[in-house]
Amino acid sequence: MKKDEEMKDEDFSFNVDYARSRGITEPELLAMDAIYVYLFCVLRKPFHQFDTHKEVVDVIQAMEYTLQLFWKFPLTAEKHSYWYQVAACRCPKMDNSDPMYSGRRIINMDCEFHGGKQ
């Protein structure tokens, strides 16, 4: 991979130079890219491979923890940022992406993924 290169998909990218500065190796970069591609597939079409809302939520959470491991960040759900981006999630996007609410999840109780109707 070239210096200053970013791994890109139409929906995401990550900074390869920053990853390298954290000690991430070339094989790890390729694995991260594969995880990001799969994560965005699940976010776009959650029921393409899964049958229940709970399965989708569990897989997204597992990928977020895996990415934290690769990035060498502390493992904490408070820093997860993809959980509310799944298609058909009714949880408020703007509130959940606002740094003011960092570490807290704002749930719409009518959300079939995260609310009381799971």
PDB file of N, CA and C in Angstrom:
ATOM      1  N   MET A   1       0.830  -1.168   0.000  1.00  0.00           N
ATOM      2  CA  MET A   1       0.000   0.000   0.000  1.00  0.00           C
ATOM      3  C   MET A   1       0.884   1.244   0.000  1.00  0.00           C
ATOM      4  N   LYS A   2       0.518   2.239  -0.764  1.00  0.00           N
ATOM      5  CA  LYS A   2       1.328   3.448  -0.896  1.00  0.00           C
ATOM      6  C   LYS A   2       1.118   4.388   0.294  1.00  0.00           C
ATOM      7  N   LYS A   3       2.152   5.175   0.558  1.00  0.00           N
ATOM      8  CA  LYS A   3       2.043   6.197   1.596  1.00  0.00           C
ATOM      9  C   LYS A   3       0.932   7.177   1.228  1.00  0.00           C
ATOM     10  N   ASP A   4       0.248   7.690   2.230  1.00  0.00           N
ATOM     11  CA  ASP A   4      -0.854   8.649   2.069  1.00  0.00           C
ATOM     12  C   ASP A   4      -2.074   8.048   1.386  1.00  0.00           C
ATOM     13  N   GLU A   5      -2.115   6.755   1.257  1.00  0.00           N
ATOM     14  CA  GLU A   5      -3.253   6.118   0.618  1.00  0.00           C
ATOM     15  C   GLU A   5      -4.358   5.908   1.643  1.00  0.00           C
ATOM     16  N   GLU A   6      -5.569   6.002   1.183  1.00  0.00           N
ATOM     17  CA  GLU A   6      -6.705   5.672   2.027  1.00  0.00           C
ATOM     18  C   GLU A   6      -7.405   4.473   1.409  1.00  0.00           C
ATOM     19  N   MET A   7      -7.851   3.564   2.258  1.00  0.00           N
ATOM     20  CA  MET A   7      -8.669   2.468   1.762  1.00  0.00           C
ATOM     21  C   MET A   7     -10.074   3.030   1.626  1.00  0.00           C
ATOM     22  N   LYS A   8     -10.676   2.825   0.461  1.00  0.00           N
ATOM     23  CA  LYS A   8     -11.961   3.465   0.191  1.00  0.00           C
ATOM     24  C   LYS A   8     -12.976   2.495  -0.374  1.00  0.00           C
ATOM     25  N   ASP A   9     -14.192   2.753  -0.047  1.00  0.00           N
ATOM     26  CA  ASP A   9     -15.376   2.138  -0.620  1.00  0.00           C
ATOM     27  C   ASP A   9     -16.266   3.338  -0.895  1.00  0.00           C
ATOM     28  N   GLU A  10     -17.393   3.151  -1.560  1.00  0.00           N
ATOM     29  CA  GLU A  10     -18.223   4.320  -1.812  1.00  0.00           C
ATOM     30  C   GLU A  10     -18.769   4.920  -0.521  1.00  0.00           C
ATOM     31  N   ASP A  11     -18.794   4.164   0.568  1.00  0.00           N
ATOM     32  CA  ASP A  11     -19.395   4.645   1.802  1.00  0.00           C
ATOM     33  C   ASP A  11     -18.416   4.887   2.944  1.00  0.00           C
ATOM     34  N   PHE A  12     -17.191   4.485   2.811  1.00  0.00           N
ATOM     35  CA  PHE A  12     -16.266   4.634   3.935  1.00  0.00           C
ATOM     36  C   PHE A  12     -14.841   4.731   3.444  1.00  0.00           C
ATOM     37  N   SER A  13     -13.999   5.199   4.317  1.00  0.00           N
ATOM     38  CA  SER A  13     -12.563   5.146   4.090  1.00  0.00           C
ATOM     39  C   SER A  13     -11.895   5.193   5.455  1.00  0.00           C
ATOM     40  N   PHE A  14     -10.675   4.739   5.502  1.00  0.00           N
ATOM     41  CA  PHE A  14      -9.915   4.934   6.724  1.00  0.00           C
ATOM     42  C   PHE A  14      -8.504   5.339   6.362  1.00  0.00           C
ATOM     43  N   ASN A  15      -7.897   6.067   7.267  1.00  0.00           N
ATOM     44  CA  ASN A  15      -6.611   6.680   7.017  1.00  0.00           C
ATOM     45  C   ASN A  15      -5.490   5.669   7.268  1.00  0.00           C
ATOM     46  N   VAL A  16      -4.852   5.239   6.203  1.00  0.00           N
ATOM     47  CA  VAL A  16      -3.799   4.229   6.285  1.00  0.00           C
ATOM     48  C   VAL A  16      -2.577   4.763   7.028  1.00  0.00           C
ATOM     49  N   ASP A  17      -2.213   6.018   6.805  1.00  0.00           N
ATOM     50  CA  ASP A  17      -1.057   6.583   7.516  1.00  0.00           C
ATOM     51  C   ASP A  17      -1.297   6.599   9.021  1.00  0.00           C
ATOM     52  N   TYR A  18      -2.500   6.971   9.416  1.00  0.00           N
ATOM     53  CA  TYR A  18      -2.820   6.962  10.849  1.00  0.00           C
ATOM     54  C   TYR A  18      -2.767   5.532  11.385  1.00  0.00           C
ATOM     55  N   ALA A  19      -3.300   4.594  10.620  1.00  0.00           N
ATOM     56  CA  ALA A  19      -3.266   3.186  11.043  1.00  0.00           C
ATOM     57  C   ALA A  19      -1.825   2.717  11.227  1.00  0.00           C
ATOM     58  N   ARG A  20      -0.979   3.039  10.278  1.00  0.00           N
ATOM     59  CA  ARG A  20       0.434   2.648  10.385  1.00  0.00           C
ATOM     60  C   ARG A  20       1.104   3.294  11.592  1.00  0.00           C
ATOM     61  N   SER A  21       0.727   4.542  11.880  1.00  0.00           N
ATOM     62  CA  SER A  21       1.313   5.221  13.040  1.00  0.00           C
ATOM     63  C   SER A  21       0.921   4.542  14.349  1.00  0.00           C
ATOM     64  N   ARG A  22      -0.143   3.767  14.307  1.00  0.00           N
ATOM     65  CA  ARG A  22      -0.588   3.006  15.486  1.00  0.00           C
ATOM     66  C   ARG A  22       0.003   1.598  15.486  1.00  0.00           C
ATOM     67  N   GLY A  23       0.896   1.314  14.521  1.00  0.00           N
ATOM     68  CA  GLY A  23       1.566   0.016  14.492  1.00  0.00           C
ATOM     69  C   GLY A  23       0.793  -1.077  13.792  1.00  0.00           C
ATOM     70  N   ILE A  24      -0.161  -0.703  12.978  1.00  0.00           N
ATOM     71  CA  ILE A  24      -0.974  -1.682  12.263  1.00  0.00           C
ATOM     72  C   ILE A  24      -0.208  -2.150  11.023  1.00  0.00           C
ATOM     73  N   THR A  25      -0.121  -3.452  10.847  1.00  0.00           N
ATOM     74  CA  THR A  25       0.659  -4.052   9.762  1.00  0.00           C
ATOM     75  C   THR A  25      -0.159  -4.131   8.476  1.00  0.00           C
ATOM     76  N   GLU A  26       0.532  -4.419   7.368  1.00  0.00           N
ATOM     77  CA  GLU A  26      -0.144  -4.560   6.072  1.00  0.00           C
ATOM     78  C   GLU A  26      -1.218  -5.662   6.107  1.00  0.00           C
ATOM     79  N   PRO A  27      -0.932  -6.856   6.641  1.00  0.00           N
ATOM     80  CA  PRO A  27      -1.984  -7.873   6.703  1.00  0.00           C
ATOM     81  C   PRO A  27      -3.181  -7.420   7.555  1.00  0.00           C
ATOM     82  N   GLU A  28      -2.897  -6.675   8.625  1.00  0.00           N
ATOM     83  CA  GLU A  28      -3.994  -6.165   9.453  1.00  0.00           C
ATOM     84  C   GLU A  28      -4.820  -5.124   8.697  1.00  0.00           C
ATOM     85  N   LEU A  29      -4.140  -4.284   7.892  1.00  0.00           N
ATOM     86  CA  LEU A  29      -4.876  -3.307   7.074  1.00  0.00           C
ATOM     87  C   LEU A  29      -5.826  -4.004   6.110  1.00  0.00           C
ATOM     88  N   LEU A  30      -5.363  -5.068   5.497  1.00  0.00           N
ATOM     89  CA  LEU A  30      -6.219  -5.817   4.565  1.00  0.00           C
ATOM     90  C   LEU A  30      -7.396  -6.462   5.295  1.00  0.00           C
ATOM     91  N   ALA A  31      -7.138  -6.986   6.486  1.00  0.00           N
ATOM     92  CA  ALA A  31      -8.222  -7.574   7.276  1.00  0.00           C
ATOM     93  C   ALA A  31      -9.228  -6.504   7.685  1.00  0.00           C
ATOM     94  N   MET A  32      -8.730  -5.339   8.085  1.00  0.00           N
ATOM     95  CA  MET A  32      -9.622  -4.242   8.461  1.00  0.00           C
ATOM     96  C   MET A  32     -10.484  -3.821   7.278  1.00  0.00           C
ATOM     97  N   ASP A  33      -9.874  -3.742   6.115  1.00  0.00           N
ATOM     98  CA  ASP A  33     -10.626  -3.374   4.923  1.00  0.00           C
ATOM     99  C   ASP A  33     -11.756  -4.373   4.680  1.00  0.00           C
ATOM    100  N   ALA A  34     -11.467  -5.654   4.817  1.00  0.00           N
ATOM    101  CA  ALA A  34     -12.496  -6.681   4.616  1.00  0.00           C
ATOM    102  C   ALA A  34     -13.619  -6.540   5.645  1.00  0.00           C
ATOM    103  N   ILE A  35     -13.256  -6.235   6.877  1.00  0.00           N
ATOM    104  CA  ILE A  35     -14.275  -6.054   7.925  1.00  0.00           C
ATOM    105  C   ILE A  35     -15.146  -4.844   7.616  1.00  0.00           C
ATOM    106  N   TYR A  36     -14.519  -3.745   7.221  1.00  0.00           N
ATOM    107  CA  TYR A  36     -15.296  -2.554   6.873  1.00  0.00           C
ATOM    108  C   TYR A  36     -16.239  -2.828   5.699  1.00  0.00           C
ATOM    109  N   VAL A  37     -15.770  -3.525   4.678  1.00  0.00           N
ATOM    110  CA  VAL A  37     -16.624  -3.845   3.531  1.00  0.00           C
ATOM    111  C   VAL A  37     -17.825  -4.672   3.991  1.00  0.00           C
ATOM    112  N   TYR A  38     -17.571  -5.692   4.795  1.00  0.00           N
ATOM    113  CA  TYR A  38     -18.655  -6.542   5.280  1.00  0.00           C
ATOM    114  C   TYR A  38     -19.596  -5.753   6.199  1.00  0.00           C
ATOM    115  N   LEU A  39     -19.042  -4.923   7.068  1.00  0.00           N
ATOM    116  CA  LEU A  39     -19.863  -4.106   7.965  1.00  0.00           C
ATOM    117  C   LEU A  39     -20.823  -3.243   7.166  1.00  0.00           C
ATOM    118  N   PHE A  40     -20.325  -2.589   6.122  1.00  0.00           N
ATOM    119  CA  PHE A  40     -21.202  -1.723   5.343  1.00  0.00           C
ATOM    120  C   PHE A  40     -22.223  -2.513   4.526  1.00  0.00           C
ATOM    121  N   CYS A  41     -21.903  -3.727   4.152  1.00  0.00           N
ATOM    122  CA  CYS A  41     -22.905  -4.602   3.515  1.00  0.00           C
ATOM    123  C   CYS A  41     -24.032  -4.918   4.492  1.00  0.00           C
ATOM    124  N   VAL A  42     -23.662  -5.232   5.723  1.00  0.00           N
ATOM    125  CA  VAL A  42     -24.672  -5.538   6.749  1.00  0.00           C
ATOM    126  C   VAL A  42     -25.499  -4.292   7.065  1.00  0.00           C
ATOM    127  N   LEU A  43     -24.862  -3.146   7.156  1.00  0.00           N
ATOM    128  CA  LEU A  43     -25.598  -1.914   7.449  1.00  0.00           C
ATOM    129  C   LEU A  43     -26.613  -1.596   6.351  1.00  0.00           C
ATOM    130  N   ARG A  44     -26.226  -1.823   5.099  1.00  0.00           N
ATOM    131  CA  ARG A  44     -27.117  -1.511   3.967  1.00  0.00           C
ATOM    132  C   ARG A  44     -28.243  -2.523   3.813  1.00  0.00           C
ATOM    133  N   LYS A  45     -27.918  -3.809   3.950  1.00  0.00           N
ATOM    134  CA  LYS A  45     -28.901  -4.884   3.729  1.00  0.00           C
ATOM    135  C   LYS A  45     -28.832  -5.870   4.892  1.00  0.00           C
ATOM    136  N   PRO A  46     -29.383  -5.480   6.037  1.00  0.00           N
ATOM    137  CA  PRO A  46     -29.202  -6.289   7.244  1.00  0.00           C
ATOM    138  C   PRO A  46     -29.824  -7.685   7.173  1.00  0.00           C
ATOM    139  N   PHE A  47     -30.818  -7.873   6.355  1.00  0.00           N
ATOM    140  CA  PHE A  47     -31.466  -9.188   6.328  1.00  0.00           C
ATOM    141  C   PHE A  47     -31.062 -10.017   5.121  1.00  0.00           C
ATOM    142  N   HIS A  48     -29.982  -9.593   4.466  1.00  0.00           N
ATOM    143  CA  HIS A  48     -29.462 -10.370   3.349  1.00  0.00           C
ATOM    144  C   HIS A  48     -28.882 -11.695   3.849  1.00  0.00           C
ATOM    145  N   GLN A  49     -28.261 -11.680   5.026  1.00  0.00           N
ATOM    146  CA  GLN A  49     -27.656 -12.889   5.585  1.00  0.00           C
ATOM    147  C   GLN A  49     -28.199 -13.270   6.950  1.00  0.00           C
ATOM    148  N   PHE A  50     -29.005 -12.418   7.566  1.00  0.00           N
ATOM    149  CA  PHE A  50     -29.479 -12.673   8.926  1.00  0.00           C
ATOM    150  C   PHE A  50     -30.998 -12.657   8.970  1.00  0.00           C
ATOM    151  N   ASP A  51     -31.540 -13.422   9.898  1.00  0.00           N
ATOM    152  CA  ASP A  51     -32.990 -13.581   9.975  1.00  0.00           C
ATOM    153  C   ASP A  51     -33.655 -12.696  11.023  1.00  0.00           C
ATOM    154  N   THR A  52     -32.912 -12.314  12.055  1.00  0.00           N
ATOM    155  CA  THR A  52     -33.532 -11.553  13.137  1.00  0.00           C
ATOM    156  C   THR A  52     -32.794 -10.241  13.379  1.00  0.00           C
ATOM    157  N   HIS A  53     -33.523  -9.318  13.989  1.00  0.00           N
ATOM    158  CA  HIS A  53     -32.920  -8.039  14.357  1.00  0.00           C
ATOM    159  C   HIS A  53     -31.777  -8.253  15.344  1.00  0.00           C
ATOM    160  N   LYS A  54     -31.957  -9.172  16.276  1.00  0.00           N
ATOM    161  CA  LYS A  54     -30.919  -9.439  17.275  1.00  0.00           C
ATOM    162  C   LYS A  54     -29.633  -9.942  16.627  1.00  0.00           C
ATOM    163  N   GLU A  55     -29.753 -10.818  15.634  1.00  0.00           N
ATOM    164  CA  GLU A  55     -28.552 -11.300  14.935  1.00  0.00           C
ATOM    165  C   GLU A  55     -27.798 -10.138  14.295  1.00  0.00           C
ATOM    166  N   VAL A  56     -28.534  -9.246  13.661  1.00  0.00           N
ATOM    167  CA  VAL A  56     -27.913  -8.090  13.007  1.00  0.00           C
ATOM    168  C   VAL A  56     -27.185  -7.227  14.036  1.00  0.00           C
ATOM    169  N   VAL A  57     -27.854  -6.914  15.134  1.00  0.00           N
ATOM    170  CA  VAL A  57     -27.260  -6.096  16.193  1.00  0.00           C
ATOM    171  C   VAL A  57     -26.008  -6.769  16.746  1.00  0.00           C
ATOM    172  N   ASP A  58     -26.069  -8.071  16.994  1.00  0.00           N
ATOM    173  CA  ASP A  58     -24.921  -8.805  17.551  1.00  0.00           C
ATOM    174  C   ASP A  58     -23.732  -8.811  16.599  1.00  0.00           C
ATOM    175  N   VAL A  59     -23.983  -8.984  15.302  1.00  0.00           N
ATOM    176  CA  VAL A  59     -22.892  -9.015  14.317  1.00  0.00           C
ATOM    177  C   VAL A  59     -22.245  -7.637  14.189  1.00  0.00           C
ATOM    178  N   ILE A  60     -23.052  -6.594  14.152  1.00  0.00           N
ATOM    179  CA  ILE A  60     -22.499  -5.235  14.062  1.00  0.00           C
ATOM    180  C   ILE A  60     -21.646  -4.943  15.289  1.00  0.00           C
ATOM    181  N   GLN A  61     -22.141  -5.304  16.459  1.00  0.00           N
ATOM    182  CA  GLN A  61     -21.371  -5.068  17.681  1.00  0.00           C
ATOM    183  C   GLN A  61     -20.058  -5.854  17.665  1.00  0.00           C
ATOM    184  N   ALA A  62     -20.100  -7.092  17.214  1.00  0.00           N
ATOM    185  CA  ALA A  62     -18.875  -7.905  17.143  1.00  0.00           C
ATOM    186  C   ALA A  62     -17.858  -7.273  16.196  1.00  0.00           C
ATOM    187  N   MET A  63     -18.324  -6.746  15.062  1.00  0.00           N
ATOM    188  CA  MET A  63     -17.400  -6.101  14.124  1.00  0.00           C
ATOM    189  C   MET A  63     -16.826  -4.817  14.716  1.00  0.00           C
ATOM    190  N   GLU A  64     -17.648  -4.065  15.469  1.00  0.00           N
ATOM    191  CA  GLU A  64     -17.126  -2.846  16.096  1.00  0.00           C
ATOM    192  C   GLU A  64     -16.037  -3.179  17.114  1.00  0.00           C
ATOM    193  N   TYR A  65     -16.236  -4.228  17.916  1.00  0.00           N
ATOM    194  CA  TYR A  65     -15.190  -4.636  18.868  1.00  0.00           C
ATOM    195  C   TYR A  65     -13.938  -5.114  18.125  1.00  0.00           C
ATOM    196  N   THR A  66     -14.125  -5.847  17.040  1.00  0.00           N
ATOM    197  CA  THR A  66     -12.983  -6.340  16.265  1.00  0.00           C
ATOM    198  C   THR A  66     -12.179  -5.180  15.687  1.00  0.00           C
ATOM    199  N   LEU A  67     -12.866  -4.181  15.171  1.00  0.00           N
ATOM    200  CA  LEU A  67     -12.167  -3.012  14.639  1.00  0.00           C
ATOM    201  C   LEU A  67     -11.428  -2.258  15.744  1.00  0.00           C
ATOM    202  N   GLN A  68     -12.008  -2.181  16.933  1.00  0.00           N
ATOM    203  CA  GLN A  68     -11.298  -1.552  18.051  1.00  0.00           C
ATOM    204  C   GLN A  68     -10.004  -2.302  18.360  1.00  0.00           C
ATOM    205  N   LEU A  69     -10.055  -3.634  18.280  1.00  0.00           N
ATOM    206  CA  LEU A  69      -8.839  -4.428  18.495  1.00  0.00           C
ATOM    207  C   LEU A  69      -7.776  -4.102  17.452  1.00  0.00           C
ATOM    208  N   PHE A  70      -8.173  -4.082  16.189  1.00  0.00           N
ATOM    209  CA  PHE A  70      -7.218  -3.763  15.130  1.00  0.00           C
ATOM    210  C   PHE A  70      -6.639  -2.365  15.293  1.00  0.00           C
ATOM    211  N   TRP A  71      -7.477  -1.401  15.643  1.00  0.00           N
ATOM    212  CA  TRP A  71      -7.016  -0.024  15.816  1.00  0.00           C
ATOM    213  C   TRP A  71      -6.205   0.152  17.097  1.00  0.00           C
ATOM    214  N   LYS A  72      -6.191  -0.876  17.933  1.00  0.00           N
ATOM    215  CA  LYS A  72      -5.482  -0.837  19.219  1.00  0.00           C
ATOM    216  C   LYS A  72      -6.088   0.202  20.164  1.00  0.00           C
ATOM    217  N   PHE A  73      -7.409   0.329  20.085  1.00  0.00           N
ATOM    218  CA  PHE A  73      -8.164   1.196  20.981  1.00  0.00           C
ATOM    219  C   PHE A  73      -8.703   0.355  22.129  1.00  0.00           C
ATOM    220  N   PRO A  74      -9.025   0.986  23.250  1.00  0.00           N
ATOM    221  CA  PRO A  74      -9.675   0.236  24.329  1.00  0.00           C
ATOM    222  C   PRO A  74     -11.006  -0.346  23.841  1.00  0.00           C
ATOM    223  N   LEU A  75     -11.325  -1.533  24.322  1.00  0.00           N
ATOM    224  CA  LEU A  75     -12.588  -2.169  23.945  1.00  0.00           C
ATOM    225  C   LEU A  75     -13.714  -1.587  24.789  1.00  0.00           C
ATOM    226  N   THR A  76     -14.549  -0.791  24.144  1.00  0.00           N
ATOM    227  CA  THR A  76     -15.669  -0.186  24.856  1.00  0.00           C
ATOM    228  C   THR A  76     -16.814   0.103  23.900  1.00  0.00           C
ATOM    229  N   ALA A  77     -18.000  -0.320  24.280  1.00  0.00           N
ATOM    230  CA  ALA A  77     -19.184  -0.063  23.458  1.00  0.00           C
ATOM    231  C   ALA A  77     -19.521   1.428  23.412  1.00  0.00           C
ATOM    232  N   GLU A  78     -19.015   2.184  24.372  1.00  0.00           N
ATOM    233  CA  GLU A  78     -19.281   3.625  24.397  1.00  0.00           C
ATOM    234  C   GLU A  78     -18.750   4.336  23.160  1.00  0.00           C
ATOM    235  N   LYS A  79     -17.755   3.766  22.514  1.00  0.00           N
ATOM    236  CA  LYS A  79     -17.163   4.392  21.334  1.00  0.00           C
ATOM    237  C   LYS A  79     -17.681   3.789  20.024  1.00  0.00           C
ATOM    238  N   HIS A  80     -18.615   2.868  20.100  1.00  0.00           N
ATOM    239  CA  HIS A  80     -19.164   2.303  18.869  1.00  0.00           C
ATOM    240  C   HIS A  80     -19.981   3.361  18.146  1.00  0.00           C
ATOM    241  N   SER A  81     -19.829   3.396  16.829  1.00  0.00           N
ATOM    242  CA  SER A  81     -20.496   4.443  16.056  1.00  0.00           C
ATOM    243  C   SER A  81     -21.301   3.924  14.872  1.00  0.00           C
ATOM    244  N   TYR A  82     -21.354   2.618  14.693  1.00  0.00           N
ATOM    245  CA  TYR A  82     -22.109   2.082  13.551  1.00  0.00           C
ATOM    246  C   TYR A  82     -23.446   1.480  13.962  1.00  0.00           C
ATOM    247  N   TRP A  83     -23.663   1.220  15.237  1.00  0.00           N
ATOM    248  CA  TRP A  83     -24.835   0.495  15.695  1.00  0.00           C
ATOM    249  C   TRP A  83     -26.146   1.129  15.241  1.00  0.00           C
ATOM    250  N   TYR A  84     -26.218   2.442  15.157  1.00  0.00           N
ATOM    251  CA  TYR A  84     -27.457   3.134  14.785  1.00  0.00           C
ATOM    252  C   TYR A  84     -27.521   3.448  13.288  1.00  0.00           C
ATOM    253  N   GLN A  85     -26.523   3.029  12.530  1.00  0.00           N
ATOM    254  CA  GLN A  85     -26.496   3.324  11.103  1.00  0.00           C
ATOM    255  C   GLN A  85     -27.078   2.208  10.248  1.00  0.00           C
ATOM    256  N   VAL A  86     -27.562   1.161  10.888  1.00  0.00           N
ATOM    257  CA  VAL A  86     -28.155   0.054  10.146  1.00  0.00           C
ATOM    258  C   VAL A  86     -29.453   0.530   9.477  1.00  0.00           C
ATOM    259  N   ALA A  87     -29.677   0.078   8.246  1.00  0.00           N
ATOM    260  CA  ALA A  87     -30.878   0.462   7.505  1.00  0.00           C
ATOM    261  C   ALA A  87     -32.117   0.115   8.329  1.00  0.00           C
ATOM    262  N   ALA A  88     -33.069   1.015   8.363  1.00  0.00           N
ATOM    263  CA  ALA A  88     -34.347   0.863   9.059  1.00  0.00           C
ATOM    264  C   ALA A  88     -34.247   1.074  10.571  1.00  0.00           C
ATOM    265  N   CYS A  89     -33.076   1.414  11.086  1.00  0.00           N
ATOM    266  CA  CYS A  89     -32.959   1.771  12.500  1.00  0.00           C
ATOM    267  C   CYS A  89     -33.680   3.100  12.703  1.00  0.00           C
ATOM    268  N   ARG A  90     -34.500   3.182  13.718  1.00  0.00           N
ATOM    269  CA  ARG A  90     -35.267   4.397  13.976  1.00  0.00           C
ATOM    270  C   ARG A  90     -34.658   5.265  15.078  1.00  0.00           C
ATOM    271  N   CYS A  91     -33.514   4.864  15.574  1.00  0.00           N
ATOM    272  CA  CYS A  91     -32.844   5.662  16.608  1.00  0.00           C
ATOM    273  C   CYS A  91     -32.324   6.958  15.982  1.00  0.00           C
ATOM    274  N   PRO A  92     -32.348   8.056  16.730  1.00  0.00           N
ATOM    275  CA  PRO A  92     -31.978   9.352  16.146  1.00  0.00           C
ATOM    276  C   PRO A  92     -30.502   9.423  15.742  1.00  0.00           C
ATOM    277  N   LYS A  93     -30.277   9.618  14.460  1.00  0.00           N
ATOM    278  CA  LYS A  93     -28.917   9.643  13.909  1.00  0.00           C
ATOM    279  C   LYS A  93     -28.135  10.867  14.382  1.00  0.00           C
ATOM    280  N   MET A  94     -28.753  12.034  14.302  1.00  0.00           N
ATOM    281  CA  MET A  94     -28.035  13.259  14.672  1.00  0.00           C
ATOM    282  C   MET A  94     -27.654  13.253  16.147  1.00  0.00           C
ATOM    283  N   ASP A  95     -28.575  12.854  17.004  1.00  0.00           N
ATOM    284  CA  ASP A  95     -28.267  12.831  18.437  1.00  0.00           C
ATOM    285  C   ASP A  95     -27.170  11.830  18.749  1.00  0.00           C
ATOM    286  N   ASN A  96     -27.218  10.658  18.140  1.00  0.00           N
ATOM    287  CA  ASN A  96     -26.232   9.630  18.430  1.00  0.00           C
ATOM    288  C   ASN A  96     -24.865   9.935  17.827  1.00  0.00           C
ATOM    289  N   SER A  97     -24.791  10.821  16.857  1.00  0.00           N
ATOM    290  CA  SER A  97     -23.490  11.195  16.296  1.00  0.00           C
ATOM    291  C   SER A  97     -22.937  12.473  16.922  1.00  0.00           C
ATOM    292  N   ASP A  98     -23.732  13.130  17.758  1.00  0.00           N
ATOM    293  CA  ASP A  98     -23.315  14.369  18.409  1.00  0.00           C
ATOM    294  C   ASP A  98     -22.323  14.059  19.530  1.00  0.00           C
ATOM    295  N   PRO A  99     -21.128  14.668  19.504  1.00  0.00           N
ATOM    296  CA  PRO A  99     -20.133  14.409  20.555  1.00  0.00           C
ATOM    297  C   PRO A  99     -20.645  14.710  21.968  1.00  0.00           C
ATOM    298  N   MET A 100     -21.635  15.583  22.073  1.00  0.00           N
ATOM    299  CA  MET A 100     -22.203  15.910  23.376  1.00  0.00           C
ATOM    300  C   MET A 100     -22.778  14.660  24.062  1.00  0.00           C
ATOM    301  N   TYR A 101     -23.262  13.734  23.247  1.00  0.00           N
ATOM    302  CA  TYR A 101     -23.874  12.525  23.788  1.00  0.00           C
ATOM    303  C   TYR A 101     -22.932  11.330  23.757  1.00  0.00           C
ATOM    304  N   SER A 102     -21.662  11.555  23.506  1.00  0.00           N
ATOM    305  CA  SER A 102     -20.688  10.482  23.398  1.00  0.00           C
ATOM    306  C   SER A 102     -20.756   9.554  24.609  1.00  0.00           C
ATOM    307  N   GLY A 103     -20.828   8.270  24.318  1.00  0.00           N
ATOM    308  CA  GLY A 103     -20.886   7.274  25.377  1.00  0.00           C
ATOM    309  C   GLY A 103     -22.291   6.909  25.791  1.00  0.00           C
ATOM    310  N   ARG A 104     -23.273   7.663  25.320  1.00  0.00           N
ATOM    311  CA  ARG A 104     -24.666   7.358  25.653  1.00  0.00           C
ATOM    312  C   ARG A 104     -25.400   7.000  24.373  1.00  0.00           C
ATOM    313  N   ARG A 105     -26.273   6.037  24.480  1.00  0.00           N
ATOM    314  CA  ARG A 105     -27.086   5.655  23.328  1.00  0.00           C
ATOM    315  C   ARG A 105     -28.487   6.218  23.504  1.00  0.00           C
ATOM    316  N   ILE A 106     -28.933   6.905  22.482  1.00  0.00           N
ATOM    317  CA  ILE A 106     -30.279   7.455  22.497  1.00  0.00           C
ATOM    318  C   ILE A 106     -31.123   6.537  21.624  1.00  0.00           C
ATOM    319  N   ILE A 107     -32.030   5.840  22.262  1.00  0.00           N
ATOM    320  CA  ILE A 107     -32.803   4.778  21.618  1.00  0.00           C
ATOM    321  C   ILE A 107     -34.228   5.250  21.375  1.00  0.00           C
ATOM    322  N   ASN A 108     -34.734   4.963  20.202  1.00  0.00           N
ATOM    323  CA  ASN A 108     -36.146   5.136  19.904  1.00  0.00           C
ATOM    324  C   ASN A 108     -36.814   3.817  20.277  1.00  0.00           C
ATOM    325  N   MET A 109     -37.736   3.846  21.203  1.00  0.00           N
ATOM    326  CA  MET A 109     -38.352   2.612  21.680  1.00  0.00           C
ATOM    327  C   MET A 109     -39.142   1.894  20.585  1.00  0.00           C
ATOM    328  N   ASP A 110     -39.450   2.581  19.481  1.00  0.00           N
ATOM    329  CA  ASP A 110     -40.124   1.942  18.351  1.00  0.00           C
ATOM    330  C   ASP A 110     -39.149   1.296  17.373  1.00  0.00           C
ATOM    331  N   CYS A 111     -37.853   1.442  17.615  1.00  0.00           N
ATOM    332  CA  CYS A 111     -36.850   0.850  16.734  1.00  0.00           C
ATOM    333  C   CYS A 111     -36.870  -0.670  16.897  1.00  0.00           C
ATOM    334  N   GLU A 112     -37.002  -1.361  15.789  1.00  0.00           N
ATOM    335  CA  GLU A 112     -37.063  -2.822  15.825  1.00  0.00           C
ATOM    336  C   GLU A 112     -35.701  -3.445  16.137  1.00  0.00           C
ATOM    337  N   PHE A 113     -34.626  -2.698  15.974  1.00  0.00           N
ATOM    338  CA  PHE A 113     -33.298  -3.198  16.274  1.00  0.00           C
ATOM    339  C   PHE A 113     -32.906  -2.958  17.735  1.00  0.00           C
ATOM    340  N   HIS A 114     -33.207  -1.780  18.255  1.00  0.00           N
ATOM    341  CA  HIS A 114     -32.679  -1.384  19.553  1.00  0.00           C
ATOM    342  C   HIS A 114     -33.744  -1.081  20.600  1.00  0.00           C
ATOM    343  N   GLY A 115     -34.959  -0.877  20.182  1.00  0.00           N
ATOM    344  CA  GLY A 115     -36.021  -0.502  21.118  1.00  0.00           C
ATOM    345  C   GLY A 115     -36.622  -1.696  21.827  1.00  0.00           C
ATOM    346  N   GLY A 116     -37.788  -1.499  22.383  1.00  0.00           N
ATOM    347  CA  GLY A 116     -38.441  -2.543  23.171  1.00  0.00           C
ATOM    348  C   GLY A 116     -39.093  -3.640  22.366  1.00  0.00           C
ATOM    349  N   LYS A 117     -39.049  -3.560  21.030  1.00  0.00           N
ATOM    350  CA  LYS A 117     -39.759  -4.537  20.197  1.00  0.00           C
ATOM    351  C   LYS A 117     -38.830  -5.552  19.543  1.00  0.00           C
ATOM    352  N   GLN A 118     -37.662  -5.760  20.117  1.00  0.00           N
ATOM    353  CA  GLN A 118     -36.681  -6.681  19.514  1.00  0.00           C
ATOM    354  C   GLN A 118     -37.209  -8.086  19.458  1.00  0.00           C
TER     355      GLN A 118
END
